[in-house]
Amino acid sequence: MIIRKESELVYIARTQELEQQQPGVEGELRRLLEKPDHLKSRDERRQETLLMQRLVEIVNGRNAIVEGLDEDRLREVEEDQQLNEMMKNLGVKKAKSKRKSSISKLFRRRSKRRVE
């Protein structure tokens, strides 16, 4: 459970980093996009392209985190089901083995009595 929480916290921390970066990138990109194309310098056009790429990276990163969390949660549910099934089976096996051991003890006692 602790490992799962730690993994989730890593996802949350990464999401927060991206969320903090996104408004600055969007604001700078918006400022450049509002300027008419004929007034933009070569550097501004290049900066606009870079900011657009960075914004796409941020959005894709956030989507990847959400997908990763979903996959982890599904995997955790499957692991929990398998663990519960194993525990259930182990409990049944223990119960059966206890019965057998009790029965075998009875037979051992009887056989000892006959010998005497």
C-alpha atoms as a PDB file:
ATOM      1  CA  MET A   1       0.000   0.000   0.000  1.00  0.00           C
ATOM      2  CA  ILE A   2       2.844   2.382   0.842  1.00  0.00           C
ATOM      3  CA  ILE A   3       4.565   1.709  -2.479  1.00  0.00           C
ATOM      4  CA  ARG A   4       1.311   2.432  -4.293  1.00  0.00           C
ATOM      5  CA  LYS A   5       0.899   5.731  -2.448  1.00  0.00           C
ATOM      6  CA  GLU A   6       4.496   6.674  -3.160  1.00  0.00           C
ATOM      7  CA  SER A   7       3.987   5.994  -6.861  1.00  0.00           C
ATOM      8  CA  GLU A   8       0.830   8.085  -6.852  1.00  0.00           C
ATOM      9  CA  LEU A   9       2.665  10.939  -5.119  1.00  0.00           C
ATOM     10  CA  VAL A  10       5.348  10.874  -7.820  1.00  0.00           C
ATOM     11  CA  TYR A  11       2.617  11.201 -10.454  1.00  0.00           C
ATOM     12  CA  ILE A  12       1.021  14.056  -8.534  1.00  0.00           C
ATOM     13  CA  ALA A  13       4.337  15.886  -8.150  1.00  0.00           C
ATOM     14  CA  ARG A  14       5.069  15.580 -11.868  1.00  0.00           C
ATOM     15  CA  THR A  15       1.551  16.763 -12.714  1.00  0.00           C
ATOM     16  CA  GLN A  16       1.986  19.810 -10.481  1.00  0.00           C
ATOM     17  CA  GLU A  17       5.278  20.665 -12.179  1.00  0.00           C
ATOM     18  CA  LEU A  18       3.610  20.563 -15.574  1.00  0.00           C
ATOM     19  CA  GLU A  19       0.601  22.532 -14.319  1.00  0.00           C
ATOM     20  CA  GLN A  20       2.924  25.250 -13.056  1.00  0.00           C
ATOM     21  CA  GLN A  21       4.764  25.453 -16.374  1.00  0.00           C
ATOM     22  CA  GLN A  22       1.673  25.499 -18.579  1.00  0.00           C
ATOM     23  CA  PRO A  23       0.287  28.977 -17.767  1.00  0.00           C
ATOM     24  CA  GLY A  24       3.632  30.675 -18.435  1.00  0.00           C
ATOM     25  CA  VAL A  25       4.056  28.902 -21.761  1.00  0.00           C
ATOM     26  CA  GLU A  26       0.445  29.618 -22.739  1.00  0.00           C
ATOM     27  CA  GLY A  27       0.750  33.282 -21.782  1.00  0.00           C
ATOM     28  CA  GLU A  28       3.949  33.823 -23.755  1.00  0.00           C
ATOM     29  CA  LEU A  29       2.525  31.936 -26.739  1.00  0.00           C
ATOM     30  CA  ARG A  30      -0.699  33.941 -26.598  1.00  0.00           C
ATOM     31  CA  ARG A  31       1.301  37.165 -26.561  1.00  0.00           C
ATOM     32  CA  LEU A  32       3.221  36.096 -29.670  1.00  0.00           C
ATOM     33  CA  LEU A  33       0.112  34.839 -31.467  1.00  0.00           C
ATOM     34  CA  GLU A  34      -1.686  38.143 -30.918  1.00  0.00           C
ATOM     35  CA  LYS A  35       1.047  40.013 -32.767  1.00  0.00           C
ATOM     36  CA  PRO A  36       0.391  40.243 -36.525  1.00  0.00           C
ATOM     37  CA  ASP A  37       2.629  37.959 -38.614  1.00  0.00           C
ATOM     38  CA  HIS A  38       4.072  40.771 -40.698  1.00  0.00           C
ATOM     39  CA  LEU A  39       5.355  42.471 -37.525  1.00  0.00           C
ATOM     40  CA  LYS A  40       7.038  39.353 -36.064  1.00  0.00           C
ATOM     41  CA  SER A  41      10.778  38.974 -36.202  1.00  0.00           C
ATOM     42  CA  ARG A  42      12.490  35.739 -37.134  1.00  0.00           C
ATOM     43  CA  ASP A  43      13.300  35.159 -33.456  1.00  0.00           C
ATOM     44  CA  GLU A  44       9.667  35.674 -32.466  1.00  0.00           C
ATOM     45  CA  ARG A  45       8.495  33.153 -35.072  1.00  0.00           C
ATOM     46  CA  ARG A  46      11.067  30.647 -33.868  1.00  0.00           C
ATOM     47  CA  GLN A  47      10.065  31.316 -30.252  1.00  0.00           C
ATOM     48  CA  GLU A  48       6.409  30.834 -31.186  1.00  0.00           C
ATOM     49  CA  THR A  49       7.199  27.438 -32.723  1.00  0.00           C
ATOM     50  CA  LEU A  50       9.230  26.392 -29.691  1.00  0.00           C
ATOM     51  CA  LEU A  51       6.505  27.489 -27.292  1.00  0.00           C
ATOM     52  CA  MET A  52       3.887  25.599 -29.288  1.00  0.00           C
ATOM     53  CA  GLN A  53       6.056  22.456 -29.137  1.00  0.00           C
ATOM     54  CA  ARG A  54       6.581  22.932 -25.408  1.00  0.00           C
ATOM     55  CA  LEU A  55       2.849  23.341 -24.830  1.00  0.00           C
ATOM     56  CA  VAL A  56       2.174  20.119 -26.755  1.00  0.00           C
ATOM     57  CA  GLU A  57       4.838  18.355 -24.646  1.00  0.00           C
ATOM     58  CA  ILE A  58       3.214  19.590 -21.442  1.00  0.00           C
ATOM     59  CA  VAL A  59      -0.257  18.474 -22.518  1.00  0.00           C
ATOM     60  CA  ASN A  60       1.058  15.095 -23.699  1.00  0.00           C
ATOM     61  CA  GLY A  61       2.969  14.689 -20.442  1.00  0.00           C
ATOM     62  CA  ARG A  62      -0.131  15.355 -18.401  1.00  0.00           C
ATOM     63  CA  ASN A  63      -2.107  12.901 -20.530  1.00  0.00           C
ATOM     64  CA  ALA A  64       0.600  10.273 -20.069  1.00  0.00           C
ATOM     65  CA  ILE A  65       0.426  10.750 -16.311  1.00  0.00           C
ATOM     66  CA  VAL A  66      -3.351  10.285 -16.306  1.00  0.00           C
ATOM     67  CA  GLU A  67      -3.018   7.162 -18.453  1.00  0.00           C
ATOM     68  CA  GLY A  68      -0.276   5.850 -16.168  1.00  0.00           C
ATOM     69  CA  LEU A  69      -2.435   6.387 -13.105  1.00  0.00           C
ATOM     70  CA  ASP A  70      -5.341   4.594 -14.761  1.00  0.00           C
ATOM     71  CA  GLU A  71      -3.118   1.662 -15.730  1.00  0.00           C
ATOM     72  CA  ASP A  72      -1.681   1.485 -12.218  1.00  0.00           C
ATOM     73  CA  ARG A  73      -5.135   1.467 -10.682  1.00  0.00           C
ATOM     74  CA  LEU A  74      -6.307  -1.313 -12.981  1.00  0.00           C
ATOM     75  CA  ARG A  75      -3.160  -3.309 -12.224  1.00  0.00           C
ATOM     76  CA  GLU A  76      -3.679  -2.754  -8.499  1.00  0.00           C
ATOM     77  CA  VAL A  77      -7.254  -4.035  -8.716  1.00  0.00           C
ATOM     78  CA  GLU A  78      -6.031  -7.147 -10.543  1.00  0.00           C
ATOM     79  CA  GLU A  79      -3.237  -7.658  -8.005  1.00  0.00           C
ATOM     80  CA  ASP A  80      -5.698  -7.278  -5.131  1.00  0.00           C
ATOM     81  CA  GLN A  81      -8.046  -9.815  -6.710  1.00  0.00           C
ATOM     82  CA  GLN A  82      -5.194 -12.278  -7.210  1.00  0.00           C
ATOM     83  CA  LEU A  83      -3.975 -11.755  -3.656  1.00  0.00           C
ATOM     84  CA  ASN A  84      -7.469 -12.235  -2.244  1.00  0.00           C
ATOM     85  CA  GLU A  85      -7.899 -15.376  -4.321  1.00  0.00           C
ATOM     86  CA  MET A  86      -4.553 -16.738  -3.129  1.00  0.00           C
ATOM     87  CA  MET A  87      -5.420 -15.971   0.480  1.00  0.00           C
ATOM     88  CA  LYS A  88      -8.811 -17.589   0.053  1.00  0.00           C
ATOM     89  CA  ASN A  89      -7.234 -20.697  -1.480  1.00  0.00           C
ATOM     90  CA  LEU A  90      -4.578 -20.784   1.224  1.00  0.00           C
ATOM     91  CA  GLY A  91      -7.261 -20.539   3.880  1.00  0.00           C
ATOM     92  CA  VAL A  92      -9.145 -23.456   2.329  1.00  0.00           C
ATOM     93  CA  LYS A  93      -5.953 -25.513   2.074  1.00  0.00           C
ATOM     94  CA  LYS A  94      -5.091 -24.794   5.708  1.00  0.00           C
ATOM     95  CA  ALA A  95      -8.548 -25.805   6.802  1.00  0.00           C
ATOM     96  CA  LYS A  96      -8.318 -29.052   4.826  1.00  0.00           C
ATOM     97  CA  SER A  97      -4.841 -29.813   6.120  1.00  0.00           C
ATOM     98  CA  LYS A  98      -5.990 -29.233   9.703  1.00  0.00           C
ATOM     99  CA  ARG A  99      -8.824 -31.678   9.242  1.00  0.00           C
ATOM    100  CA  LYS A 100      -6.516 -34.247   7.756  1.00  0.00           C
ATOM    101  CA  SER A 101      -4.032 -33.835  10.549  1.00  0.00           C
ATOM    102  CA  SER A 102      -6.764 -34.287  13.162  1.00  0.00           C
ATOM    103  CA  ILE A 103      -8.026 -37.396  11.449  1.00  0.00           C
ATOM    104  CA  SER A 104      -4.538 -38.767  11.048  1.00  0.00           C
ATOM    105  CA  LYS A 105      -3.928 -38.188  14.754  1.00  0.00           C
ATOM    106  CA  LEU A 106      -7.005 -40.252  15.576  1.00  0.00           C
ATOM    107  CA  PHE A 107      -5.771 -43.092  13.416  1.00  0.00           C
ATOM    108  CA  ARG A 108      -2.345 -42.918  15.014  1.00  0.00           C
ATOM    109  CA  ARG A 109      -3.844 -43.113  18.481  1.00  0.00           C
ATOM    110  CA  ARG A 110      -5.970 -46.123  17.576  1.00  0.00           C
ATOM    111  CA  SER A 111      -3.048 -47.902  16.024  1.00  0.00           C
ATOM    112  CA  LYS A 112      -0.975 -47.313  19.168  1.00  0.00           C
ATOM    113  CA  ARG A 113      -3.753 -48.713  21.340  1.00  0.00           C
ATOM    114  CA  ARG A 114      -3.982 -51.885  19.272  1.00  0.00           C
ATOM    115  CA  VAL A 115      -0.262 -52.422  19.564  1.00  0.00           C
ATOM    116  CA  GLU A 116      -0.416 -52.260  23.353  1.00  0.00           C
END
